[in-house]
Amino acid sequence: MRGRVHDMQFDWFRRTLGGGEPLEPDTGNGLLFVMGINQWREETEWPLSRAVDTDFHLRADGRLTPEPPSTAEQPEEFTYDPMDPVPTHGGAIYMSDDFRPGPLDQTAVKAREDVLASR
């Protein structure tokens, strides 16, 4: 890891916008977070040539599976209303202190009628 995310972002802006010498050399074209192992990794290409596209299906019981549902399984449905967007709750990095950063309990958001979520 090359340091704090804020420092890497600031360094990118300095290199990109020409605001002076970069704080450190650009060592990769992309930085991605690998879920499951909780690790940041630098990559020199995007999209990754070794990536494998995998389709997943949100099932009626809330599971997310690689197998498509049978024709007998009733699909979940919801209606999106652009006048009532789903609010941000957690994970805020570039927002005011009104929004706590990091993972938070999403129970209230998931209880909305216009949200589908895996269990």
PDB file of N, CA and C in Angstrom:
ATOM      1  N   MET A   1       0.841  -1.174   0.000  1.00  0.00           N
ATOM      2  CA  MET A   1       0.000   0.000   0.000  1.00  0.00           C
ATOM      3  C   MET A   1       0.881   1.230   0.000  1.00  0.00           C
ATOM      4  N   ARG A   2       0.472   2.238  -0.729  1.00  0.00           N
ATOM      5  CA  ARG A   2       1.296   3.421  -0.911  1.00  0.00           C
ATOM      6  C   ARG A   2       0.994   4.538   0.065  1.00  0.00           C
ATOM      7  N   GLY A   3       0.233   4.296   1.090  1.00  0.00           N
ATOM      8  CA  GLY A   3      -0.084   5.346   2.046  1.00  0.00           C
ATOM      9  C   GLY A   3      -1.578   5.545   2.173  1.00  0.00           C
ATOM     10  N   ARG A   4      -1.936   6.651   2.814  1.00  0.00           N
ATOM     11  CA  ARG A   4      -3.340   6.948   3.028  1.00  0.00           C
ATOM     12  C   ARG A   4      -4.030   7.252   1.699  1.00  0.00           C
ATOM     13  N   VAL A   5      -5.298   6.886   1.588  1.00  0.00           N
ATOM     14  CA  VAL A   5      -6.061   7.127   0.362  1.00  0.00           C
ATOM     15  C   VAL A   5      -6.065   8.613   0.037  1.00  0.00           C
ATOM     16  N   HIS A   6      -6.262   9.459   1.032  1.00  0.00           N
ATOM     17  CA  HIS A   6      -6.280  10.908   0.809  1.00  0.00           C
ATOM     18  C   HIS A   6      -4.974  11.372   0.160  1.00  0.00           C
ATOM     19  N   ASP A   7      -3.835  10.883   0.641  1.00  0.00           N
ATOM     20  CA  ASP A   7      -2.544  11.277   0.074  1.00  0.00           C
ATOM     21  C   ASP A   7      -2.409  10.817  -1.370  1.00  0.00           C
ATOM     22  N   MET A   8      -2.877   9.611  -1.674  1.00  0.00           N
ATOM     23  CA  MET A   8      -2.806   9.114  -3.050  1.00  0.00           C
ATOM     24  C   MET A   8      -3.699   9.937  -3.969  1.00  0.00           C
ATOM     25  N   GLN A   9      -4.872  10.311  -3.477  1.00  0.00           N
ATOM     26  CA  GLN A   9      -5.771  11.130  -4.293  1.00  0.00           C
ATOM     27  C   GLN A   9      -5.172  12.502  -4.538  1.00  0.00           C
ATOM     28  N   PHE A  10      -4.608  13.102  -3.506  1.00  0.00           N
ATOM     29  CA  PHE A  10      -3.980  14.407  -3.648  1.00  0.00           C
ATOM     30  C   PHE A  10      -2.816  14.327  -4.641  1.00  0.00           C
ATOM     31  N   ASP A  11      -2.033  13.286  -4.546  1.00  0.00           N
ATOM     32  CA  ASP A  11      -0.916  13.090  -5.466  1.00  0.00           C
ATOM     33  C   ASP A  11      -1.415  12.961  -6.904  1.00  0.00           C
ATOM     34  N   TRP A  12      -2.509  12.234  -7.097  1.00  0.00           N
ATOM     35  CA  TRP A  12      -3.074  12.086  -8.455  1.00  0.00           C
ATOM     36  C   TRP A  12      -3.496  13.448  -9.007  1.00  0.00           C
ATOM     37  N   PHE A  13      -4.164  14.259  -8.187  1.00  0.00           N
ATOM     38  CA  PHE A  13      -4.573  15.590  -8.634  1.00  0.00           C
ATOM     39  C   PHE A  13      -3.359  16.446  -8.998  1.00  0.00           C
ATOM     40  N   ARG A  14      -2.306  16.360  -8.199  1.00  0.00           N
ATOM     41  CA  ARG A  14      -1.096  17.137  -8.501  1.00  0.00           C
ATOM     42  C   ARG A  14      -0.494  16.708  -9.829  1.00  0.00           C
ATOM     43  N   ARG A  15      -0.428  15.405 -10.077  1.00  0.00           N
ATOM     44  CA  ARG A  15       0.127  14.921 -11.354  1.00  0.00           C
ATOM     45  C   ARG A  15      -0.772  15.296 -12.520  1.00  0.00           C
ATOM     46  N   THR A  16      -2.074  15.115 -12.340  1.00  0.00           N
ATOM     47  CA  THR A  16      -3.034  15.315 -13.428  1.00  0.00           C
ATOM     48  C   THR A  16      -3.253  16.783 -13.746  1.00  0.00           C
ATOM     49  N   LEU A  17      -3.346  17.613 -12.749  1.00  0.00           N
ATOM     50  CA  LEU A  17      -3.644  19.023 -12.957  1.00  0.00           C
ATOM     51  C   LEU A  17      -2.393  19.890 -13.047  1.00  0.00           C
ATOM     52  N   GLY A  18      -1.227  19.275 -12.889  1.00  0.00           N
ATOM     53  CA  GLY A  18       0.019  20.020 -13.040  1.00  0.00           C
ATOM     54  C   GLY A  18       0.309  20.986 -11.916  1.00  0.00           C
ATOM     55  N   GLY A  19      -0.088  20.634 -10.720  1.00  0.00           N
ATOM     56  CA  GLY A  19       0.114  21.530  -9.589  1.00  0.00           C
ATOM     57  C   GLY A  19       1.462  21.380  -8.920  1.00  0.00           C
ATOM     58  N   GLY A  20       2.455  20.906  -9.608  1.00  0.00           N
ATOM     59  CA  GLY A  20       3.778  20.745  -9.012  1.00  0.00           C
ATOM     60  C   GLY A  20       4.269  19.323  -9.162  1.00  0.00           C
ATOM     61  N   GLU A  21       5.394  19.064  -8.553  1.00  0.00           N
ATOM     62  CA  GLU A  21       5.980  17.732  -8.621  1.00  0.00           C
ATOM     63  C   GLU A  21       5.120  16.738  -7.852  1.00  0.00           C
ATOM     64  N   PRO A  22       4.932  15.543  -8.409  1.00  0.00           N
ATOM     65  CA  PRO A  22       4.175  14.537  -7.659  1.00  0.00           C
ATOM     66  C   PRO A  22       4.904  14.148  -6.386  1.00  0.00           C
ATOM     67  N   LEU A  23       4.123  13.754  -5.399  1.00  0.00           N
ATOM     68  CA  LEU A  23       4.703  13.347  -4.127  1.00  0.00           C
ATOM     69  C   LEU A  23       5.449  12.027  -4.242  1.00  0.00           C
ATOM     70  N   GLU A  24       5.023  11.188  -5.168  1.00  0.00           N
ATOM     71  CA  GLU A  24       5.672   9.897  -5.393  1.00  0.00           C
ATOM     72  C   GLU A  24       5.397   9.473  -6.827  1.00  0.00           C
ATOM     73  N   PRO A  25       6.218   8.594  -7.394  1.00  0.00           N
ATOM     74  CA  PRO A  25       5.987   8.187  -8.782  1.00  0.00           C
ATOM     75  C   PRO A  25       4.705   7.376  -8.921  1.00  0.00           C
ATOM     76  N   ASP A  26       4.110   7.461 -10.099  1.00  0.00           N
ATOM     77  CA  ASP A  26       2.912   6.671 -10.384  1.00  0.00           C
ATOM     78  C   ASP A  26       3.356   5.242 -10.625  1.00  0.00           C
ATOM     79  N   THR A  27       2.985   4.332  -9.736  1.00  0.00           N
ATOM     80  CA  THR A  27       3.472   2.958  -9.840  1.00  0.00           C
ATOM     81  C   THR A  27       2.478   2.011 -10.474  1.00  0.00           C
ATOM     82  N   GLY A  28       1.316   2.506 -10.851  1.00  0.00           N
ATOM     83  CA  GLY A  28       0.329   1.642 -11.490  1.00  0.00           C
ATOM     84  C   GLY A  28      -0.753   2.485 -12.127  1.00  0.00           C
ATOM     85  N   ASN A  29      -1.492   1.907 -13.043  1.00  0.00           N
ATOM     86  CA  ASN A  29      -2.571   2.637 -13.690  1.00  0.00           C
ATOM     87  C   ASN A  29      -3.852   2.609 -12.890  1.00  0.00           C
ATOM     88  N   GLY A  30      -3.972   1.652 -11.995  1.00  0.00           N
ATOM     89  CA  GLY A  30      -5.201   1.537 -11.233  1.00  0.00           C
ATOM     90  C   GLY A  30      -4.950   0.971  -9.857  1.00  0.00           C
ATOM     91  N   LEU A  31      -5.808   1.343  -8.950  1.00  0.00           N
ATOM     92  CA  LEU A  31      -5.755   0.824  -7.591  1.00  0.00           C
ATOM     93  C   LEU A  31      -7.133   0.269  -7.298  1.00  0.00           C
ATOM     94  N   LEU A  32      -7.209  -0.994  -6.935  1.00  0.00           N
ATOM     95  CA  LEU A  32      -8.505  -1.602  -6.672  1.00  0.00           C
ATOM     96  C   LEU A  32      -8.493  -2.312  -5.336  1.00  0.00           C
ATOM     97  N   PHE A  33      -9.685  -2.425  -4.780  1.00  0.00           N
ATOM     98  CA  PHE A  33      -9.845  -3.079  -3.484  1.00  0.00           C
ATOM     99  C   PHE A  33     -10.409  -4.464  -3.716  1.00  0.00           C
ATOM    100  N   VAL A  34      -9.775  -5.478  -3.157  1.00  0.00           N
ATOM    101  CA  VAL A  34     -10.215  -6.862  -3.305  1.00  0.00           C
ATOM    102  C   VAL A  34     -11.030  -7.234  -2.079  1.00  0.00           C
ATOM    103  N   MET A  35     -12.346  -7.390  -2.293  1.00  0.00           N
ATOM    104  CA  MET A  35     -13.215  -7.758  -1.186  1.00  0.00           C
ATOM    105  C   MET A  35     -12.943  -9.209  -0.803  1.00  0.00           C
ATOM    106  N   GLY A  36     -13.212  -9.541   0.408  1.00  0.00           N
ATOM    107  CA  GLY A  36     -12.999 -10.905   0.880  1.00  0.00           C
ATOM    108  C   GLY A  36     -11.651 -11.054   1.549  1.00  0.00           C
ATOM    109  N   ILE A  37     -10.614 -10.461   0.939  1.00  0.00           N
ATOM    110  CA  ILE A  37      -9.297 -10.488   1.576  1.00  0.00           C
ATOM    111  C   ILE A  37      -8.924  -9.107   2.113  1.00  0.00           C
ATOM    112  N   ASN A  38      -9.822  -8.118   1.908  1.00  0.00           N
ATOM    113  CA  ASN A  38      -9.643  -6.755   2.426  1.00  0.00           C
ATOM    114  C   ASN A  38      -8.257  -6.197   2.114  1.00  0.00           C
ATOM    115  N   GLN A  39      -7.949  -6.139   0.822  1.00  0.00           N
ATOM    116  CA  GLN A  39      -6.616  -5.716   0.421  1.00  0.00           C
ATOM    117  C   GLN A  39      -6.679  -4.805  -0.806  1.00  0.00           C
ATOM    118  N   TRP A  40      -5.887  -3.739  -0.795  1.00  0.00           N
ATOM    119  CA  TRP A  40      -5.737  -2.883  -1.962  1.00  0.00           C
ATOM    120  C   TRP A  40      -4.656  -3.468  -2.852  1.00  0.00           C
ATOM    121  N   ARG A  41      -4.844  -3.360  -4.164  1.00  0.00           N
ATOM    122  CA  ARG A  41      -3.858  -3.908  -5.107  1.00  0.00           C
ATOM    123  C   ARG A  41      -3.712  -2.945  -6.287  1.00  0.00           C
ATOM    124  N   GLU A  42      -2.477  -2.700  -6.687  1.00  0.00           N
ATOM    125  CA  GLU A  42      -2.209  -1.877  -7.853  1.00  0.00           C
ATOM    126  C   GLU A  42      -2.215  -2.750  -9.092  1.00  0.00           C
ATOM    127  N   GLU A  43      -2.779  -2.228 -10.155  1.00  0.00           N
ATOM    128  CA  GLU A  43      -2.845  -2.946 -11.429  1.00  0.00           C
ATOM    129  C   GLU A  43      -2.375  -2.017 -12.541  1.00  0.00           C
ATOM    130  N   THR A  44      -1.830  -2.564 -13.596  1.00  0.00           N
ATOM    131  CA  THR A  44      -1.339  -1.755 -14.714  1.00  0.00           C
ATOM    132  C   THR A  44      -2.271  -1.785 -15.910  1.00  0.00           C
ATOM    133  N   GLU A  45      -3.403  -2.486 -15.798  1.00  0.00           N
ATOM    134  CA  GLU A  45      -4.367  -2.518 -16.897  1.00  0.00           C
ATOM    135  C   GLU A  45      -5.775  -2.481 -16.342  1.00  0.00           C
ATOM    136  N   TRP A  46      -6.704  -1.997 -17.173  1.00  0.00           N
ATOM    137  CA  TRP A  46      -8.118  -2.014 -16.811  1.00  0.00           C
ATOM    138  C   TRP A  46      -8.928  -2.011 -18.086  1.00  0.00           C
ATOM    139  N   PRO A  47      -9.853  -2.911 -18.265  1.00  0.00           N
ATOM    140  CA  PRO A  47     -10.184  -3.984 -17.316  1.00  0.00           C
ATOM    141  C   PRO A  47      -9.088  -5.041 -17.281  1.00  0.00           C
ATOM    142  N   LEU A  48      -9.060  -5.800 -16.244  1.00  0.00           N
ATOM    143  CA  LEU A  48      -8.041  -6.832 -16.087  1.00  0.00           C
ATOM    144  C   LEU A  48      -8.231  -7.920 -17.138  1.00  0.00           C
ATOM    145  N   SER A  49      -7.150  -8.286 -17.817  1.00  0.00           N
ATOM    146  CA  SER A  49      -7.254  -9.328 -18.846  1.00  0.00           C
ATOM    147  C   SER A  49      -7.583 -10.690 -18.234  1.00  0.00           C
ATOM    148  N   ARG A  50      -7.242 -10.895 -16.981  1.00  0.00           N
ATOM    149  CA  ARG A  50      -7.512 -12.178 -16.318  1.00  0.00           C
ATOM    150  C   ARG A  50      -8.895 -12.234 -15.677  1.00  0.00           C
ATOM    151  N   ALA A  51      -9.639 -11.141 -15.769  1.00  0.00           N
ATOM    152  CA  ALA A  51     -10.981 -11.099 -15.180  1.00  0.00           C
ATOM    153  C   ALA A  51     -11.912 -12.054 -15.913  1.00  0.00           C
ATOM    154  N   VAL A  52     -12.822 -12.643 -15.178  1.00  0.00           N
ATOM    155  CA  VAL A  52     -13.804 -13.556 -15.741  1.00  0.00           C
ATOM    156  C   VAL A  52     -15.193 -12.989 -15.449  1.00  0.00           C
ATOM    157  N   ASP A  53     -15.940 -12.684 -16.514  1.00  0.00           N
ATOM    158  CA  ASP A  53     -17.309 -12.201 -16.324  1.00  0.00           C
ATOM    159  C   ASP A  53     -18.167 -13.321 -15.755  1.00  0.00           C
ATOM    160  N   THR A  54     -18.909 -13.020 -14.720  1.00  0.00           N
ATOM    161  CA  THR A  54     -19.782 -14.001 -14.089  1.00  0.00           C
ATOM    162  C   THR A  54     -21.136 -13.367 -13.843  1.00  0.00           C
ATOM    163  N   ASP A  55     -22.174 -13.958 -14.383  1.00  0.00           N
ATOM    164  CA  ASP A  55     -23.522 -13.470 -14.153  1.00  0.00           C
ATOM    165  C   ASP A  55     -24.028 -13.994 -12.809  1.00  0.00           C
ATOM    166  N   PHE A  56     -24.682 -13.115 -12.054  1.00  0.00           N
ATOM    167  CA  PHE A  56     -25.345 -13.509 -10.819  1.00  0.00           C
ATOM    168  C   PHE A  56     -26.793 -13.082 -10.901  1.00  0.00           C
ATOM    169  N   HIS A  57     -27.634 -13.805 -10.221  1.00  0.00           N
ATOM    170  CA  HIS A  57     -29.072 -13.569 -10.265  1.00  0.00           C
ATOM    171  C   HIS A  57     -29.604 -13.386  -8.858  1.00  0.00           C
ATOM    172  N   LEU A  58     -30.362 -12.297  -8.671  1.00  0.00           N
ATOM    173  CA  LEU A  58     -30.999 -12.054  -7.383  1.00  0.00           C
ATOM    174  C   LEU A  58     -32.280 -12.873  -7.345  1.00  0.00           C
ATOM    175  N   ARG A  59     -32.313 -13.837  -6.439  1.00  0.00           N
ATOM    176  CA  ARG A  59     -33.429 -14.770  -6.366  1.00  0.00           C
ATOM    177  C   ARG A  59     -34.558 -14.211  -5.517  1.00  0.00           C
ATOM    178  N   ALA A  60     -35.739 -14.797  -5.665  1.00  0.00           N
ATOM    179  CA  ALA A  60     -36.935 -14.337  -4.953  1.00  0.00           C
ATOM    180  C   ALA A  60     -36.767 -14.424  -3.440  1.00  0.00           C
ATOM    181  N   ASP A  61     -35.929 -15.361  -2.967  1.00  0.00           N
ATOM    182  CA  ASP A  61     -35.726 -15.489  -1.518  1.00  0.00           C
ATOM    183  C   ASP A  61     -34.604 -14.593  -1.008  1.00  0.00           C
ATOM    184  N   GLY A  62     -34.080 -13.716  -1.879  1.00  0.00           N
ATOM    185  CA  GLY A  62     -33.052 -12.769  -1.470  1.00  0.00           C
ATOM    186  C   GLY A  62     -31.634 -13.243  -1.661  1.00  0.00           C
ATOM    187  N   ARG A  63     -31.439 -14.503  -2.095  1.00  0.00           N
ATOM    188  CA  ARG A  63     -30.086 -15.008  -2.322  1.00  0.00           C
ATOM    189  C   ARG A  63     -29.562 -14.498  -3.663  1.00  0.00           C
ATOM    190  N   LEU A  64     -28.254 -14.413  -3.768  1.00  0.00           N
ATOM    191  CA  LEU A  64     -27.577 -14.065  -5.008  1.00  0.00           C
ATOM    192  C   LEU A  64     -26.838 -15.312  -5.459  1.00  0.00           C
ATOM    193  N   THR A  65     -27.200 -15.863  -6.633  1.00  0.00           N
ATOM    194  CA  THR A  65     -26.617 -17.129  -7.072  1.00  0.00           C
ATOM    195  C   THR A  65     -26.175 -17.049  -8.526  1.00  0.00           C
ATOM    196  N   PRO A  66     -25.188 -17.874  -8.919  1.00  0.00           N
ATOM    197  CA  PRO A  66     -24.806 -17.920 -10.332  1.00  0.00           C
ATOM    198  C   PRO A  66     -25.840 -18.654 -11.190  1.00  0.00           C
ATOM    199  N   GLU A  67     -26.695 -19.456 -10.558  1.00  0.00           N
ATOM    200  CA  GLU A  67     -27.725 -20.186 -11.303  1.00  0.00           C
ATOM    201  C   GLU A  67     -28.940 -19.296 -11.503  1.00  0.00           C
ATOM    202  N   PRO A  68     -29.471 -19.228 -12.727  1.00  0.00           N
ATOM    203  CA  PRO A  68     -30.677 -18.431 -12.947  1.00  0.00           C
ATOM    204  C   PRO A  68     -31.880 -19.096 -12.285  1.00  0.00           C
ATOM    205  N   PRO A  69     -32.875 -18.301 -11.937  1.00  0.00           N
ATOM    206  CA  PRO A  69     -34.065 -18.888 -11.319  1.00  0.00           C
ATOM    207  C   PRO A  69     -34.853 -19.721 -12.332  1.00  0.00           C
ATOM    208  N   SER A  70     -35.609 -20.664 -11.820  1.00  0.00           N
ATOM    209  CA  SER A  70     -36.470 -21.464 -12.694  1.00  0.00           C
ATOM    210  C   SER A  70     -37.636 -20.598 -13.149  1.00  0.00           C
ATOM    211  N   THR A  71     -38.327 -21.031 -14.162  1.00  0.00           N
ATOM    212  CA  THR A  71     -39.474 -20.264 -14.661  1.00  0.00           C
ATOM    213  C   THR A  71     -40.611 -20.246 -13.642  1.00  0.00           C
ATOM    214  N   ALA A  72     -40.611 -21.203 -12.703  1.00  0.00           N
ATOM    215  CA  ALA A  72     -41.658 -21.249 -11.681  1.00  0.00           C
ATOM    216  C   ALA A  72     -41.417 -20.225 -10.565  1.00  0.00           C
ATOM    217  N   GLU A  73     -40.189 -19.769 -10.427  1.00  0.00           N
ATOM    218  CA  GLU A  73     -39.860 -18.823  -9.360  1.00  0.00           C
ATOM    219  C   GLU A  73     -40.362 -17.426  -9.728  1.00  0.00           C
ATOM    220  N   GLN A  74     -41.106 -16.825  -8.846  1.00  0.00           N
ATOM    221  CA  GLN A  74     -41.643 -15.493  -9.093  1.00  0.00           C
ATOM    222  C   GLN A  74     -40.555 -14.441  -8.863  1.00  0.00           C
ATOM    223  N   PRO A  75     -40.339 -13.561  -9.821  1.00  0.00           N
ATOM    224  CA  PRO A  75     -39.299 -12.540  -9.645  1.00  0.00           C
ATOM    225  C   PRO A  75     -39.721 -11.461  -8.656  1.00  0.00           C
ATOM    226  N   GLU A  76     -38.724 -10.878  -8.008  1.00  0.00           N
ATOM    227  CA  GLU A  76     -38.976  -9.717  -7.157  1.00  0.00           C
ATOM    228  C   GLU A  76     -39.127  -8.509  -8.065  1.00  0.00           C
ATOM    229  N   GLU A  77     -39.958  -7.576  -7.674  1.00  0.00           N
ATOM    230  CA  GLU A  77     -40.147  -6.362  -8.451  1.00  0.00           C
ATOM    231  C   GLU A  77     -40.153  -5.157  -7.524  1.00  0.00           C
ATOM    232  N   PHE A  78     -39.788  -4.022  -8.088  1.00  0.00           N
ATOM    233  CA  PHE A  78     -39.887  -2.770  -7.346  1.00  0.00           C
ATOM    234  C   PHE A  78     -40.090  -1.648  -8.352  1.00  0.00           C
ATOM    235  N   THR A  79     -40.577  -0.544  -7.872  1.00  0.00           N
ATOM    236  CA  THR A  79     -40.778   0.629  -8.717  1.00  0.00           C
ATOM    237  C   THR A  79     -39.848   1.723  -8.238  1.00  0.00           C
ATOM    238  N   TYR A  80     -39.043   2.221  -9.149  1.00  0.00           N
ATOM    239  CA  TYR A  80     -38.109   3.287  -8.828  1.00  0.00           C
ATOM    240  C   TYR A  80     -38.790   4.638  -9.017  1.00  0.00           C
ATOM    241  N   ASP A  81     -38.674   5.492  -8.010  1.00  0.00           N
ATOM    242  CA  ASP A  81     -39.236   6.838  -8.084  1.00  0.00           C
ATOM    243  C   ASP A  81     -38.082   7.836  -7.985  1.00  0.00           C
ATOM    244  N   PRO A  82     -37.721   8.486  -9.098  1.00  0.00           N
ATOM    245  CA  PRO A  82     -36.601   9.430  -9.056  1.00  0.00           C
ATOM    246  C   PRO A  82     -36.843  10.624  -8.136  1.00  0.00           C
ATOM    247  N   MET A  83     -38.090  10.839  -7.754  1.00  0.00           N
ATOM    248  CA  MET A  83     -38.392  11.933  -6.824  1.00  0.00           C
ATOM    249  C   MET A  83     -38.201  11.511  -5.365  1.00  0.00           C
ATOM    250  N   ASP A  84     -37.919  10.226  -5.137  1.00  0.00           N
ATOM    251  CA  ASP A  84     -37.693   9.705  -3.790  1.00  0.00           C
ATOM    252  C   ASP A  84     -36.501   8.749  -3.818  1.00  0.00           C
ATOM    253  N   PRO A  85     -35.294   9.282  -4.095  1.00  0.00           N
ATOM    254  CA  PRO A  85     -34.132   8.404  -4.223  1.00  0.00           C
ATOM    255  C   PRO A  85     -33.756   7.733  -2.900  1.00  0.00           C
ATOM    256  N   VAL A  86     -33.113   6.582  -3.014  1.00  0.00           N
ATOM    257  CA  VAL A  86     -32.643   5.868  -1.832  1.00  0.00           C
ATOM    258  C   VAL A  86     -31.482   6.672  -1.233  1.00  0.00           C
ATOM    259  N   PRO A  87     -31.529   6.978   0.059  1.00  0.00           N
ATOM    260  CA  PRO A  87     -30.483   7.817   0.659  1.00  0.00           C
ATOM    261  C   PRO A  87     -29.168   7.065   0.850  1.00  0.00           C
ATOM    262  N   THR A  88     -28.099   7.830   0.890  1.00  0.00           N
ATOM    263  CA  THR A  88     -26.783   7.294   1.222  1.00  0.00           C
ATOM    264  C   THR A  88     -26.736   7.058   2.725  1.00  0.00           C
ATOM    265  N   HIS A  89     -26.219   5.918   3.114  1.00  0.00           N
ATOM    266  CA  HIS A  89     -26.087   5.620   4.542  1.00  0.00           C
ATOM    267  C   HIS A  89     -24.796   4.845   4.744  1.00  0.00           C
ATOM    268  N   GLY A  90     -23.753   5.541   5.139  1.00  0.00           N
ATOM    269  CA  GLY A  90     -22.461   4.898   5.376  1.00  0.00           C
ATOM    270  C   GLY A  90     -21.600   4.885   4.143  1.00  0.00           C
ATOM    271  N   GLY A  91     -20.318   4.680   4.360  1.00  0.00           N
ATOM    272  CA  GLY A  91     -19.378   4.614   3.263  1.00  0.00           C
ATOM    273  C   GLY A  91     -18.945   5.967   2.741  1.00  0.00           C
ATOM    274  N   ALA A  92     -19.453   7.043   3.324  1.00  0.00           N
ATOM    275  CA  ALA A  92     -19.131   8.380   2.841  1.00  0.00           C
ATOM    276  C   ALA A  92     -17.650   8.690   3.062  1.00  0.00           C
ATOM    277  N   ILE A  93     -16.999   9.157   2.020  1.00  0.00           N
ATOM    278  CA  ILE A  93     -15.597   9.538   2.138  1.00  0.00           C
ATOM    279  C   ILE A  93     -15.430  11.031   1.876  1.00  0.00           C
ATOM    280  N   TYR A  94     -16.150  11.547   0.890  1.00  0.00           N
ATOM    281  CA  TYR A  94     -15.990  12.936   0.485  1.00  0.00           C
ATOM    282  C   TYR A  94     -17.192  13.791   0.858  1.00  0.00           C
ATOM    283  N   MET A  95     -17.882  13.429   1.899  1.00  0.00           N
ATOM    284  CA  MET A  95     -19.087  14.156   2.273  1.00  0.00           C
ATOM    285  C   MET A  95     -18.876  14.820   3.630  1.00  0.00           C
ATOM    286  N   SER A  96     -19.834  15.651   3.998  1.00  0.00           N
ATOM    287  CA  SER A  96     -19.739  16.364   5.272  1.00  0.00           C
ATOM    288  C   SER A  96     -19.813  15.378   6.442  1.00  0.00           C
ATOM    289  N   ASP A  97     -19.566  15.906   7.619  1.00  0.00           N
ATOM    290  CA  ASP A  97     -19.608  15.085   8.828  1.00  0.00           C
ATOM    291  C   ASP A  97     -21.019  14.614   9.170  1.00  0.00           C
ATOM    292  N   ASP A  98     -22.034  15.079   8.412  1.00  0.00           N
ATOM    293  CA  ASP A  98     -23.396  14.594   8.619  1.00  0.00           C
ATOM    294  C   ASP A  98     -23.511  13.127   8.246  1.00  0.00           C
ATOM    295  N   PHE A  99     -22.581  12.634   7.410  1.00  0.00           N
ATOM    296  CA  PHE A  99     -22.581  11.250   6.943  1.00  0.00           C
ATOM    297  C   PHE A  99     -21.366  10.546   7.529  1.00  0.00           C
ATOM    298  N   ARG A 100     -21.609   9.576   8.395  1.00  0.00           N
ATOM    299  CA  ARG A 100     -20.505   8.836   9.005  1.00  0.00           C
ATOM    300  C   ARG A 100     -19.807   7.969   7.968  1.00  0.00           C
ATOM    301  N   PRO A 101     -18.478   7.939   7.960  1.00  0.00           N
ATOM    302  CA  PRO A 101     -17.767   7.083   7.016  1.00  0.00           C
ATOM    303  C   PRO A 101     -17.765   5.628   7.469  1.00  0.00           C
ATOM    304  N   GLY A 102     -17.518   4.739   6.532  1.00  0.00           N
ATOM    305  CA  GLY A 102     -17.366   3.338   6.854  1.00  0.00           C
ATOM    306  C   GLY A 102     -18.650   2.545   6.759  1.00  0.00           C
ATOM    307  N   PRO A 103     -18.553   1.250   6.988  1.00  0.00           N
ATOM    308  CA  PRO A 103     -19.730   0.392   6.893  1.00  0.00           C
ATOM    309  C   PRO A 103     -20.688   0.644   8.057  1.00  0.00           C
ATOM    310  N   LEU A 104     -21.969   0.739   7.721  1.00  0.00           N
ATOM    311  CA  LEU A 104     -22.993   0.954   8.736  1.00  0.00           C
ATOM    312  C   LEU A 104     -24.143  -0.018   8.501  1.00  0.00           C
ATOM    313  N   ASP A 105     -24.962  -0.188   9.508  1.00  0.00           N
ATOM    314  CA  ASP A 105     -26.134  -1.061   9.412  1.00  0.00           C
ATOM    315  C   ASP A 105     -27.100  -0.485   8.371  1.00  0.00           C
ATOM    316  N   GLN A 106     -27.442  -1.271   7.359  1.00  0.00           N
ATOM    317  CA  GLN A 106     -28.308  -0.823   6.259  1.00  0.00           C
ATOM    318  C   GLN A 106     -29.758  -1.268   6.434  1.00  0.00           C
ATOM    319  N   THR A 107     -30.154  -1.709   7.628  1.00  0.00           N
ATOM    320  CA  THR A 107     -31.496  -2.236   7.856  1.00  0.00           C
ATOM    321  C   THR A 107     -32.581  -1.247   7.446  1.00  0.00           C
ATOM    322  N   ALA A 108     -32.443   0.016   7.824  1.00  0.00           N
ATOM    323  CA  ALA A 108     -33.474   1.011   7.495  1.00  0.00           C
ATOM    324  C   ALA A 108     -33.578   1.220   5.988  1.00  0.00           C
ATOM    325  N   VAL A 109     -32.458   1.243   5.303  1.00  0.00           N
ATOM    326  CA  VAL A 109     -32.467   1.424   3.846  1.00  0.00           C
ATOM    327  C   VAL A 109     -33.075   0.196   3.179  1.00  0.00           C
ATOM    328  N   LYS A 110     -32.678  -0.990   3.619  1.00  0.00           N
ATOM    329  CA  LYS A 110     -33.178  -2.230   3.012  1.00  0.00           C
ATOM    330  C   LYS A 110     -34.671  -2.449   3.256  1.00  0.00           C
ATOM    331  N   ALA A 111     -35.253  -1.766   4.236  1.00  0.00           N
ATOM    332  CA  ALA A 111     -36.674  -1.924   4.533  1.00  0.00           C
ATOM    333  C   ALA A 111     -37.563  -1.146   3.562  1.00  0.00           C
ATOM    334  N   ARG A 112     -36.963  -0.284   2.747  1.00  0.00           N
ATOM    335  CA  ARG A 112     -37.764   0.488   1.796  1.00  0.00           C
ATOM    336  C   ARG A 112     -38.363  -0.428   0.733  1.00  0.00           C
ATOM    337  N   GLU A 113     -39.519  -0.042   0.247  1.00  0.00           N
ATOM    338  CA  GLU A 113     -40.216  -0.830  -0.786  1.00  0.00           C
ATOM    339  C   GLU A 113     -39.487  -0.802  -2.128  1.00  0.00           C
ATOM    340  N   ASP A 114     -38.632   0.214  -2.343  1.00  0.00           N
ATOM    341  CA  ASP A 114     -37.955   0.346  -3.629  1.00  0.00           C
ATOM    342  C   ASP A 114     -36.500  -0.126  -3.594  1.00  0.00           C
ATOM    343  N   VAL A 115     -36.178  -1.018  -2.653  1.00  0.00           N
ATOM    344  CA  VAL A 115     -34.828  -1.567  -2.530  1.00  0.00           C
ATOM    345  C   VAL A 115     -34.900  -3.086  -2.574  1.00  0.00           C
ATOM    346  N   LEU A 116     -34.097  -3.681  -3.447  1.00  0.00           N
ATOM    347  CA  LEU A 116     -33.912  -5.135  -3.469  1.00  0.00           C
ATOM    348  C   LEU A 116     -32.509  -5.412  -2.973  1.00  0.00           C
ATOM    349  N   ALA A 117     -32.337  -6.370  -2.100  1.00  0.00           N
ATOM    350  CA  ALA A 117     -31.027  -6.673  -1.547  1.00  0.00           C
ATOM    351  C   ALA A 117     -30.892  -8.167  -1.329  1.00  0.00           C
ATOM    352  N   SER A 118     -29.657  -8.657  -1.522  1.00  0.00           N
ATOM    353  CA  SER A 118     -29.412 -10.074  -1.227  1.00  0.00           C
ATOM    354  C   SER A 118     -29.342 -10.246   0.280  1.00  0.00           C
ATOM    355  N   ARG A 119     -29.608 -11.442   0.747  1.00  0.00           N
ATOM    356  CA  ARG A 119     -29.578 -11.715   2.182  1.00  0.00           C
ATOM    357  C   ARG A 119     -28.236 -12.266   2.570  1.00  0.00           C
TER     358      ARG A 119
END
